[in-house]
Amino acid sequence: DYCPTRNDEQETGREEIIRRYRVFTEALNKVDPE
């Protein structure tokens, strides 16, 4: 769950948001792709 308001990150750009989700997807795929 992305929470920019709580973290004062309302100006975080599209590429950084997508990067964070990509990092976590890759982490999950390493331990359990399902």
PDB file of all heavy atoms in Angstrom:
ATOM      1  N   ASP A   1       0.823  -1.208   0.000  1.00  0.00           N
ATOM      2  CA  ASP A   1       0.000   0.000   0.000  1.00  0.00           C
ATOM      3  C   ASP A   1       0.864   1.268   0.000  1.00  0.00           C
ATOM      4  O   ASP A   1       1.553   1.564   0.990  1.00  0.00           O
ATOM      5  CB  ASP A   1      -0.885  -0.043   1.254  1.00  0.00           C
ATOM      6  CG  ASP A   1      -2.003   0.974   1.231  1.00  0.00           C
ATOM      7  OD1 ASP A   1      -2.172   1.672   0.217  1.00  0.00           O
ATOM      8  OD2 ASP A   1      -2.731   1.053   2.238  1.00  0.00           O
ATOM      9  N   TYR A   2       0.793   2.025  -1.101  1.00  0.00           N
ATOM     10  CA  TYR A   2       1.565   3.258  -1.236  1.00  0.00           C
ATOM     11  C   TYR A   2       0.911   4.381  -0.431  1.00  0.00           C
ATOM     12  O   TYR A   2      -0.279   4.666  -0.595  1.00  0.00           O
ATOM     13  CB  TYR A   2       1.652   3.637  -2.713  1.00  0.00           C
ATOM     14  CG  TYR A   2       2.488   4.861  -3.001  1.00  0.00           C
ATOM     15  CD1 TYR A   2       3.830   4.896  -2.650  1.00  0.00           C
ATOM     16  CD2 TYR A   2       1.934   5.971  -3.625  1.00  0.00           C
ATOM     17  CE1 TYR A   2       4.602   6.027  -2.911  1.00  0.00           C
ATOM     18  CE2 TYR A   2       2.694   7.097  -3.900  1.00  0.00           C
ATOM     19  CZ  TYR A   2       4.033   7.119  -3.535  1.00  0.00           C
ATOM     20  OH  TYR A   2       4.787   8.239  -3.798  1.00  0.00           O
ATOM     21  N   CYS A   3       1.701   5.023   0.442  1.00  0.00           N
ATOM     22  CA  CYS A   3       1.161   6.005   1.396  1.00  0.00           C
ATOM     23  C   CYS A   3       1.974   7.301   1.371  1.00  0.00           C
ATOM     24  O   CYS A   3       2.696   7.624   2.332  1.00  0.00           O
ATOM     25  CB  CYS A   3       1.175   5.421   2.804  1.00  0.00           C
ATOM     26  SG  CYS A   3       0.215   3.917   2.965  1.00  0.00           S
ATOM     27  N   PRO A   4       1.885   8.077   0.294  1.00  0.00           N
ATOM     28  CA  PRO A   4       2.707   9.285   0.177  1.00  0.00           C
ATOM     29  C   PRO A   4       2.349  10.376   1.170  1.00  0.00           C
ATOM     30  O   PRO A   4       3.233  11.122   1.623  1.00  0.00           O
ATOM     31  CB  PRO A   4       2.456   9.737  -1.266  1.00  0.00           C
ATOM     32  CG  PRO A   4       1.112   9.190  -1.609  1.00  0.00           C
ATOM     33  CD  PRO A   4       1.030   7.881  -0.891  1.00  0.00           C
ATOM     34  N   THR A   5       1.091  10.530   1.505  1.00  0.00           N
ATOM     35  CA  THR A   5       0.692  11.604   2.416  1.00  0.00           C
ATOM     36  C   THR A   5       1.295  11.394   3.790  1.00  0.00           C
ATOM     37  O   THR A   5       1.827  12.325   4.413  1.00  0.00           O
ATOM     38  CB  THR A   5      -0.844  11.690   2.504  1.00  0.00           C
ATOM     39  OG1 THR A   5      -1.368  11.884   1.190  1.00  0.00           O
ATOM     40  CG2 THR A   5      -1.270  12.844   3.391  1.00  0.00           C
ATOM     41  N   ARG A   6       1.231  10.163   4.306  1.00  0.00           N
ATOM     42  CA  ARG A   6       1.829   9.850   5.594  1.00  0.00           C
ATOM     43  C   ARG A   6       3.312  10.153   5.603  1.00  0.00           C
ATOM     44  O   ARG A   6       3.872  10.606   6.609  1.00  0.00           O
ATOM     45  CB  ARG A   6       1.591   8.368   5.910  1.00  0.00           C
ATOM     46  CG  ARG A   6       2.422   7.806   7.057  1.00  0.00           C
ATOM     47  CD  ARG A   6       2.021   8.395   8.385  1.00  0.00           C
ATOM     48  NE  ARG A   6       0.664   8.012   8.749  1.00  0.00           N
ATOM     49  CZ  ARG A   6       0.039   8.465   9.831  1.00  0.00           C
ATOM     50  NH1 ARG A   6       0.655   9.333  10.639  1.00  0.00           N
ATOM     51  NH2 ARG A   6      -1.190   8.101  10.101  1.00  0.00           N
ATOM     52  N   ASN A   7       3.989   9.957   4.485  1.00  0.00           N
ATOM     53  CA  ASN A   7       5.438  10.087   4.405  1.00  0.00           C
ATOM     54  C   ASN A   7       5.900  11.396   3.765  1.00  0.00           C
ATOM     55  O   ASN A   7       7.081  11.554   3.467  1.00  0.00           O
ATOM     56  CB  ASN A   7       6.002   8.900   3.620  1.00  0.00           C
ATOM     57  CG  ASN A   7       5.822   7.586   4.354  1.00  0.00           C
ATOM     58  OD1 ASN A   7       6.662   7.194   5.141  1.00  0.00           O
ATOM     59  ND2 ASN A   7       4.707   6.899   4.090  1.00  0.00           N
ATOM     60  N   ASP A   8       4.962  12.307   3.522  1.00  0.00           N
ATOM     61  CA  ASP A   8       5.274  13.591   2.892  1.00  0.00           C
ATOM     62  C   ASP A   8       6.011  13.376   1.569  1.00  0.00           C
ATOM     63  O   ASP A   8       7.019  14.010   1.275  1.00  0.00           O
ATOM     64  CB  ASP A   8       6.099  14.478   3.830  1.00  0.00           C
ATOM     65  CG  ASP A   8       6.116  15.934   3.370  1.00  0.00           C
ATOM     66  OD1 ASP A   8       5.186  16.336   2.622  1.00  0.00           O
ATOM     67  OD2 ASP A   8       7.051  16.666   3.736  1.00  0.00           O
ATOM     68  N   GLU A   9       5.465  12.472   0.756  1.00  0.00           N
ATOM     69  CA  GLU A   9       6.056  12.149  -0.540  1.00  0.00           C
ATOM     70  C   GLU A   9       5.074  12.403  -1.682  1.00  0.00           C
ATOM     71  O   GLU A   9       5.111  11.730  -2.714  1.00  0.00           O
ATOM     72  CB  GLU A   9       6.505  10.677  -0.573  1.00  0.00           C
ATOM     73  CG  GLU A   9       7.678  10.382   0.343  1.00  0.00           C
ATOM     74  CD  GLU A   9       8.195   8.961   0.166  1.00  0.00           C
ATOM     75  OE1 GLU A   9       7.391   8.059  -0.163  1.00  0.00           O
ATOM     76  OE2 GLU A   9       9.414   8.756   0.339  1.00  0.00           O
ATOM     77  N   GLN A  10       4.236  13.391  -1.524  1.00  0.00           N
ATOM     78  CA  GLN A  10       3.220  13.658  -2.546  1.00  0.00           C
ATOM     79  C   GLN A  10       3.818  14.033  -3.889  1.00  0.00           C
ATOM     80  O   GLN A  10       3.164  13.893  -4.925  1.00  0.00           O
ATOM     81  CB  GLN A  10       2.275  14.770  -2.084  1.00  0.00           C
ATOM     82  CG  GLN A  10       1.422  14.403  -0.871  1.00  0.00           C
ATOM     83  CD  GLN A  10       2.056  14.828   0.436  1.00  0.00           C
ATOM     84  OE1 GLN A  10       3.274  14.830   0.579  1.00  0.00           O
ATOM     85  NE2 GLN A  10       1.241  15.231   1.402  1.00  0.00           N
ATOM     86  N   GLU A  11       5.051  14.517  -3.900  1.00  0.00           N
ATOM     87  CA  GLU A  11       5.686  14.937  -5.151  1.00  0.00           C
ATOM     88  C   GLU A  11       6.549  13.844  -5.775  1.00  0.00           C
ATOM     89  O   GLU A  11       7.214  14.084  -6.778  1.00  0.00           O
ATOM     90  CB  GLU A  11       6.542  16.182  -4.899  1.00  0.00           C
ATOM     91  CG  GLU A  11       5.772  17.362  -4.310  1.00  0.00           C
ATOM     92  CD  GLU A  11       4.578  17.756  -5.163  1.00  0.00           C
ATOM     93  OE1 GLU A  11       4.717  17.783  -6.409  1.00  0.00           O
ATOM     94  OE2 GLU A  11       3.501  18.020  -4.590  1.00  0.00           O
ATOM     95  N   THR A  12       6.558  12.669  -5.190  1.00  0.00           N
ATOM     96  CA  THR A  12       7.333  11.570  -5.761  1.00  0.00           C
ATOM     97  C   THR A  12       6.825  11.258  -7.169  1.00  0.00           C
ATOM     98  O   THR A  12       5.619  11.149  -7.393  1.00  0.00           O
ATOM     99  CB  THR A  12       7.227  10.309  -4.875  1.00  0.00           C
ATOM    100  OG1 THR A  12       7.727  10.613  -3.576  1.00  0.00           O
ATOM    101  CG2 THR A  12       8.029   9.159  -5.462  1.00  0.00           C
ATOM    102  N   GLY A  13       7.747  11.105  -8.120  1.00  0.00           N
ATOM    103  CA  GLY A  13       7.382  10.949  -9.520  1.00  0.00           C
ATOM    104  C   GLY A  13       6.972   9.535  -9.898  1.00  0.00           C
ATOM    105  O   GLY A  13       7.203   8.567  -9.160  1.00  0.00           O
ATOM    106  N   ARG A  14       6.391   9.424 -11.069  1.00  0.00           N
ATOM    107  CA  ARG A  14       5.883   8.154 -11.583  1.00  0.00           C
ATOM    108  C   ARG A  14       6.959   7.071 -11.605  1.00  0.00           C
ATOM    109  O   ARG A  14       6.725   5.946 -11.145  1.00  0.00           O
ATOM    110  CB  ARG A  14       5.326   8.381 -12.994  1.00  0.00           C
ATOM    111  CG  ARG A  14       4.846   7.114 -13.711  1.00  0.00           C
ATOM    112  CD  ARG A  14       4.415   7.440 -15.136  1.00  0.00           C
ATOM    113  NE  ARG A  14       4.027   6.248 -15.881  1.00  0.00           N
ATOM    114  CZ  ARG A  14       2.799   5.767 -15.947  1.00  0.00           C
ATOM    115  NH1 ARG A  14       1.825   6.378 -15.297  1.00  0.00           N
ATOM    116  NH2 ARG A  14       2.522   4.688 -16.662  1.00  0.00           N
ATOM    117  N   GLU A  15       8.125   7.380 -12.132  1.00  0.00           N
ATOM    118  CA  GLU A  15       9.170   6.363 -12.285  1.00  0.00           C
ATOM    119  C   GLU A  15       9.642   5.825 -10.945  1.00  0.00           C
ATOM    120  O   GLU A  15       9.915   4.624 -10.813  1.00  0.00           O
ATOM    121  CB  GLU A  15      10.349   6.929 -13.091  1.00  0.00           C
ATOM    122  CG  GLU A  15       9.996   7.257 -14.530  1.00  0.00           C
ATOM    123  CD  GLU A  15       9.363   6.071 -15.251  1.00  0.00           C
ATOM    124  OE1 GLU A  15       9.894   4.949 -15.111  1.00  0.00           O
ATOM    125  OE2 GLU A  15       8.353   6.268 -15.942  1.00  0.00           O
ATOM    126  N   GLU A  16       9.722   6.678  -9.936  1.00  0.00           N
ATOM    127  CA  GLU A  16      10.150   6.220  -8.625  1.00  0.00           C
ATOM    128  C   GLU A  16       9.088   5.327  -7.986  1.00  0.00           C
ATOM    129  O   GLU A  16       9.411   4.311  -7.350  1.00  0.00           O
ATOM    130  CB  GLU A  16      10.451   7.401  -7.715  1.00  0.00           C
ATOM    131  CG  GLU A  16      10.721   7.056  -6.251  1.00  0.00           C
ATOM    132  CD  GLU A  16      11.892   6.121  -6.027  1.00  0.00           C
ATOM    133  OE1 GLU A  16      12.715   5.935  -6.954  1.00  0.00           O
ATOM    134  OE2 GLU A  16      12.000   5.555  -4.917  1.00  0.00           O
ATOM    135  N   ILE A  17       7.828   5.692  -8.150  1.00  0.00           N
ATOM    136  CA  ILE A  17       6.755   4.850  -7.605  1.00  0.00           C
ATOM    137  C   ILE A  17       6.794   3.471  -8.245  1.00  0.00           C
ATOM    138  O   ILE A  17       6.754   2.442  -7.551  1.00  0.00           O
ATOM    139  CB  ILE A  17       5.379   5.506  -7.844  1.00  0.00           C
ATOM    140  CG1 ILE A  17       5.264   6.805  -7.055  1.00  0.00           C
ATOM    141  CG2 ILE A  17       4.254   4.542  -7.458  1.00  0.00           C
ATOM    142  CD1 ILE A  17       4.030   7.630  -7.402  1.00  0.00           C
ATOM    143  N   ILE A  18       6.909   3.427  -9.572  1.00  0.00           N
ATOM    144  CA  ILE A  18       6.949   2.150 -10.280  1.00  0.00           C
ATOM    145  C   ILE A  18       8.201   1.365  -9.891  1.00  0.00           C
ATOM    146  O   ILE A  18       8.154   0.137  -9.714  1.00  0.00           O
ATOM    147  CB  ILE A  18       6.879   2.376 -11.802  1.00  0.00           C
ATOM    148  CG1 ILE A  18       5.531   3.005 -12.173  1.00  0.00           C
ATOM    149  CG2 ILE A  18       7.083   1.066 -12.561  1.00  0.00           C
ATOM    150  CD1 ILE A  18       5.416   3.432 -13.617  1.00  0.00           C
ATOM    151  N   ARG A  19       9.327   2.066  -9.731  1.00  0.00           N
ATOM    152  CA  ARG A  19      10.569   1.389  -9.324  1.00  0.00           C
ATOM    153  C   ARG A  19      10.389   0.664  -7.995  1.00  0.00           C
ATOM    154  O   ARG A  19      10.830  -0.482  -7.830  1.00  0.00           O
ATOM    155  CB  ARG A  19      11.708   2.406  -9.208  1.00  0.00           C
ATOM    156  CG  ARG A  19      13.067   1.761  -8.893  1.00  0.00           C
ATOM    157  CD  ARG A  19      14.075   2.762  -8.372  1.00  0.00           C
ATOM    158  NE  ARG A  19      13.727   3.222  -7.025  1.00  0.00           N
ATOM    159  CZ  ARG A  19      13.975   2.526  -5.908  1.00  0.00           C
ATOM    160  NH1 ARG A  19      14.568   1.344  -5.981  1.00  0.00           N
ATOM    161  NH2 ARG A  19      13.642   3.014  -4.727  1.00  0.00           N
ATOM    162  N   ARG A  20       9.729   1.316  -7.055  1.00  0.00           N
ATOM    163  CA  ARG A  20       9.546   0.693  -5.737  1.00  0.00           C
ATOM    164  C   ARG A  20       8.714  -0.578  -5.840  1.00  0.00           C
ATOM    165  O   ARG A  20       9.005  -1.585  -5.175  1.00  0.00           O
ATOM    166  CB  ARG A  20       8.885   1.677  -4.779  1.00  0.00           C
ATOM    167  CG  ARG A  20       9.763   2.869  -4.436  1.00  0.00           C
ATOM    168  CD  ARG A  20       9.102   3.738  -3.371  1.00  0.00           C
ATOM    169  NE  ARG A  20       9.817   4.994  -3.187  1.00  0.00           N
ATOM    170  CZ  ARG A  20       9.512   5.888  -2.252  1.00  0.00           C
ATOM    171  NH1 ARG A  20       8.503   5.667  -1.413  1.00  0.00           N
ATOM    172  NH2 ARG A  20      10.204   7.007  -2.146  1.00  0.00           N
ATOM    173  N   TYR A  21       7.677  -0.547  -6.679  1.00  0.00           N
ATOM    174  CA  TYR A  21       6.876  -1.751  -6.852  1.00  0.00           C
ATOM    175  C   TYR A  21       7.645  -2.838  -7.598  1.00  0.00           C
ATOM    176  O   TYR A  21       7.503  -4.028  -7.312  1.00  0.00           O
ATOM    177  CB  TYR A  21       5.560  -1.414  -7.567  1.00  0.00           C
ATOM    178  CG  TYR A  21       4.515  -0.911  -6.602  1.00  0.00           C
ATOM    179  CD1 TYR A  21       4.259   0.454  -6.466  1.00  0.00           C
ATOM    180  CD2 TYR A  21       3.806  -1.796  -5.793  1.00  0.00           C
ATOM    181  CE1 TYR A  21       3.309   0.920  -5.559  1.00  0.00           C
ATOM    182  CE2 TYR A  21       2.859  -1.342  -4.893  1.00  0.00           C
ATOM    183  CZ  TYR A  21       2.614   0.011  -4.776  1.00  0.00           C
ATOM    184  OH  TYR A  21       1.692   0.460  -3.873  1.00  0.00           O
ATOM    185  N   ARG A  22       8.492  -2.432  -8.525  1.00  0.00           N
ATOM    186  CA  ARG A  22       9.297  -3.415  -9.251  1.00  0.00           C
ATOM    187  C   ARG A  22      10.278  -4.117  -8.310  1.00  0.00           C
ATOM    188  O   ARG A  22      10.456  -5.343  -8.393  1.00  0.00           O
ATOM    189  CB  ARG A  22      10.060  -2.743 -10.396  1.00  0.00           C
ATOM    190  CG  ARG A  22      10.787  -3.732 -11.306  1.00  0.00           C
ATOM    191  CD  ARG A  22      11.511  -3.008 -12.437  1.00  0.00           C
ATOM    192  NE  ARG A  22      10.599  -2.207 -13.229  1.00  0.00           N
ATOM    193  CZ  ARG A  22       9.814  -2.677 -14.175  1.00  0.00           C
ATOM    194  NH1 ARG A  22       9.817  -3.979 -14.448  1.00  0.00           N
ATOM    195  NH2 ARG A  22       9.041  -1.883 -14.867  1.00  0.00           N
ATOM    196  N   VAL A  23      10.894  -3.349  -7.430  1.00  0.00           N
ATOM    197  CA  VAL A  23      11.837  -3.935  -6.465  1.00  0.00           C
ATOM    198  C   VAL A  23      11.136  -4.994  -5.615  1.00  0.00           C
ATOM    199  O   VAL A  23      11.668  -6.085  -5.371  1.00  0.00           O
ATOM    200  CB  VAL A  23      12.453  -2.840  -5.576  1.00  0.00           C
ATOM    201  CG1 VAL A  23      13.206  -3.451  -4.394  1.00  0.00           C
ATOM    202  CG2 VAL A  23      13.400  -1.958  -6.392  1.00  0.00           C
ATOM    203  N   PHE A  24       9.937  -4.686  -5.162  1.00  0.00           N
ATOM    204  CA  PHE A  24       9.229  -5.634  -4.308  1.00  0.00           C
ATOM    205  C   PHE A  24       8.752  -6.845  -5.102  1.00  0.00           C
ATOM    206  O   PHE A  24       8.794  -7.978  -4.604  1.00  0.00           O
ATOM    207  CB  PHE A  24       8.047  -4.954  -3.616  1.00  0.00           C
ATOM    208  CG  PHE A  24       7.455  -5.775  -2.506  1.00  0.00           C
ATOM    209  CD1 PHE A  24       8.203  -6.089  -1.383  1.00  0.00           C
ATOM    210  CD2 PHE A  24       6.153  -6.241  -2.582  1.00  0.00           C
ATOM    211  CE1 PHE A  24       7.675  -6.857  -0.346  1.00  0.00           C
ATOM    212  CE2 PHE A  24       5.605  -7.006  -1.562  1.00  0.00           C
ATOM    213  CZ  PHE A  24       6.368  -7.313  -0.437  1.00  0.00           C
ATOM    214  N   THR A  25       8.305  -6.631  -6.330  1.00  0.00           N
ATOM    215  CA  THR A  25       7.922  -7.759  -7.179  1.00  0.00           C
ATOM    216  C   THR A  25       9.088  -8.713  -7.369  1.00  0.00           C
ATOM    217  O   THR A  25       8.941  -9.941  -7.264  1.00  0.00           O
ATOM    218  CB  THR A  25       7.441  -7.256  -8.551  1.00  0.00           C
ATOM    219  OG1 THR A  25       6.264  -6.472  -8.381  1.00  0.00           O
ATOM    220  CG2 THR A  25       7.131  -8.422  -9.489  1.00  0.00           C
ATOM    221  N   GLU A  26      10.256  -8.163  -7.644  1.00  0.00           N
ATOM    222  CA  GLU A  26      11.447  -8.997  -7.823  1.00  0.00           C
ATOM    223  C   GLU A  26      11.801  -9.732  -6.543  1.00  0.00           C
ATOM    224  O   GLU A  26      12.218 -10.903  -6.575  1.00  0.00           O
ATOM    225  CB  GLU A  26      12.616  -8.133  -8.304  1.00  0.00           C
ATOM    226  CG  GLU A  26      12.415  -7.593  -9.717  1.00  0.00           C
ATOM    227  CD  GLU A  26      13.473  -6.591 -10.135  1.00  0.00           C
ATOM    228  OE1 GLU A  26      14.305  -6.209  -9.271  1.00  0.00           O
ATOM    229  OE2 GLU A  26      13.475  -6.193 -11.312  1.00  0.00           O
ATOM    230  N   ALA A  27      11.616  -9.078  -5.397  1.00  0.00           N
ATOM    231  CA  ALA A  27      11.893  -9.728  -4.115  1.00  0.00           C
ATOM    232  C   ALA A  27      10.925 -10.885  -3.873  1.00  0.00           C
ATOM    233  O   ALA A  27      11.334 -11.971  -3.424  1.00  0.00           O
ATOM    234  CB  ALA A  27      11.794  -8.709  -2.984  1.00  0.00           C
ATOM    235  N   LEU A  28       9.647 -10.685  -4.175  1.00  0.00           N
ATOM    236  CA  LEU A  28       8.670 -11.760  -4.005  1.00  0.00           C
ATOM    237  C   LEU A  28       8.957 -12.917  -4.962  1.00  0.00           C
ATOM    238  O   LEU A  28       8.830 -14.085  -4.587  1.00  0.00           O
ATOM    239  CB  LEU A  28       7.252 -11.233  -4.246  1.00  0.00           C
ATOM    240  CG  LEU A  28       6.658 -10.292  -3.198  1.00  0.00           C
ATOM    241  CD1 LEU A  28       5.246  -9.885  -3.604  1.00  0.00           C
ATOM    242  CD2 LEU A  28       6.641 -10.924  -1.811  1.00  0.00           C
ATOM    243  N   ASN A  29       9.328 -12.597  -6.195  1.00  0.00           N
ATOM    244  CA  ASN A  29       9.595 -13.645  -7.182  1.00  0.00           C
ATOM    245  C   ASN A  29      10.762 -14.537  -6.763  1.00  0.00           C
ATOM    246  O   ASN A  29      10.798 -15.718  -7.103  1.00  0.00           O
ATOM    247  CB  ASN A  29       9.875 -13.029  -8.548  1.00  0.00           C
ATOM    248  CG  ASN A  29       8.609 -12.527  -9.224  1.00  0.00           C
ATOM    249  OD1 ASN A  29       7.508 -12.932  -8.880  1.00  0.00           O
ATOM    250  ND2 ASN A  29       8.769 -11.630 -10.181  1.00  0.00           N
ATOM    251  N   LYS A  30      11.695 -13.979  -6.018  1.00  0.00           N
ATOM    252  CA  LYS A  30      12.835 -14.767  -5.556  1.00  0.00           C
ATOM    253  C   LYS A  30      12.427 -15.794  -4.512  1.00  0.00           C
ATOM    254  O   LYS A  30      12.989 -16.896  -4.456  1.00  0.00           O
ATOM    255  CB  LYS A  30      13.913 -13.842  -4.970  1.00  0.00           C
ATOM    256  CG  LYS A  30      14.682 -13.035  -6.004  1.00  0.00           C
ATOM    257  CD  LYS A  30      15.732 -12.168  -5.321  1.00  0.00           C
ATOM    258  CE  LYS A  30      16.500 -11.330  -6.344  1.00  0.00           C
ATOM    259  NZ  LYS A  30      17.508 -10.455  -5.694  1.00  0.00           N
ATOM    260  N   VAL A  31      11.461 -15.438  -3.672  1.00  0.00           N
ATOM    261  CA  VAL A  31      11.108 -16.328  -2.558  1.00  0.00           C
ATOM    262  C   VAL A  31       9.876 -17.172  -2.831  1.00  0.00           C
ATOM    263  O   VAL A  31       9.753 -18.285  -2.323  1.00  0.00           O
ATOM    264  CB  VAL A  31      10.909 -15.519  -1.256  1.00  0.00           C
ATOM    265  CG1 VAL A  31      12.222 -14.862  -0.839  1.00  0.00           C
ATOM    266  CG2 VAL A  31       9.810 -14.476  -1.391  1.00  0.00           C
ATOM    267  N   ASP A  32       8.935 -16.651  -3.640  1.00  0.00           N
ATOM    268  CA  ASP A  32       7.707 -17.388  -3.936  1.00  0.00           C
ATOM    269  C   ASP A  32       6.983 -16.724  -5.105  1.00  0.00           C
ATOM    270  O   ASP A  32       6.170 -15.823  -4.911  1.00  0.00           O
ATOM    271  CB  ASP A  32       6.788 -17.430  -2.717  1.00  0.00           C
ATOM    272  CG  ASP A  32       5.559 -18.309  -2.937  1.00  0.00           C
ATOM    273  OD1 ASP A  32       5.370 -18.801  -4.064  1.00  0.00           O
ATOM    274  OD2 ASP A  32       4.781 -18.504  -1.981  1.00  0.00           O
ATOM    275  N   PRO A  33       7.264 -17.165  -6.330  1.00  0.00           N
ATOM    276  CA  PRO A  33       6.634 -16.543  -7.513  1.00  0.00           C
ATOM    277  C   PRO A  33       5.112 -16.641  -7.531  1.00  0.00           C
ATOM    278  O   PRO A  33       4.465 -15.900  -8.268  1.00  0.00           O
ATOM    279  CB  PRO A  33       7.244 -17.339  -8.682  1.00  0.00           C
ATOM    280  CG  PRO A  33       8.487 -17.944  -8.142  1.00  0.00           C
ATOM    281  CD  PRO A  33       8.211 -18.216  -6.691  1.00  0.00           C
ATOM    282  N   GLU A  34       4.531 -17.545  -6.742  1.00  0.00           N
ATOM    283  CA  GLU A  34       3.083 -17.701  -6.741  1.00  0.00           C
ATOM    284  C   GLU A  34       2.388 -16.813  -5.718  1.00  0.00           C
ATOM    285  O   GLU A  34       1.161 -16.809  -5.641  1.00  0.00           O
ATOM    286  CB  GLU A  34       2.725 -19.168  -6.481  1.00  0.00           C
ATOM    287  CG  GLU A  34       3.194 -20.107  -7.578  1.00  0.00           C
ATOM    288  CD  GLU A  34       2.768 -21.538  -7.340  1.00  0.00           C
ATOM    289  OE1 GLU A  34       2.143 -21.809  -6.290  1.00  0.00           O
ATOM    290  OE2 GLU A  34       3.065 -22.389  -8.205  1.00  0.00           O
TER     291      GLU A  34
END
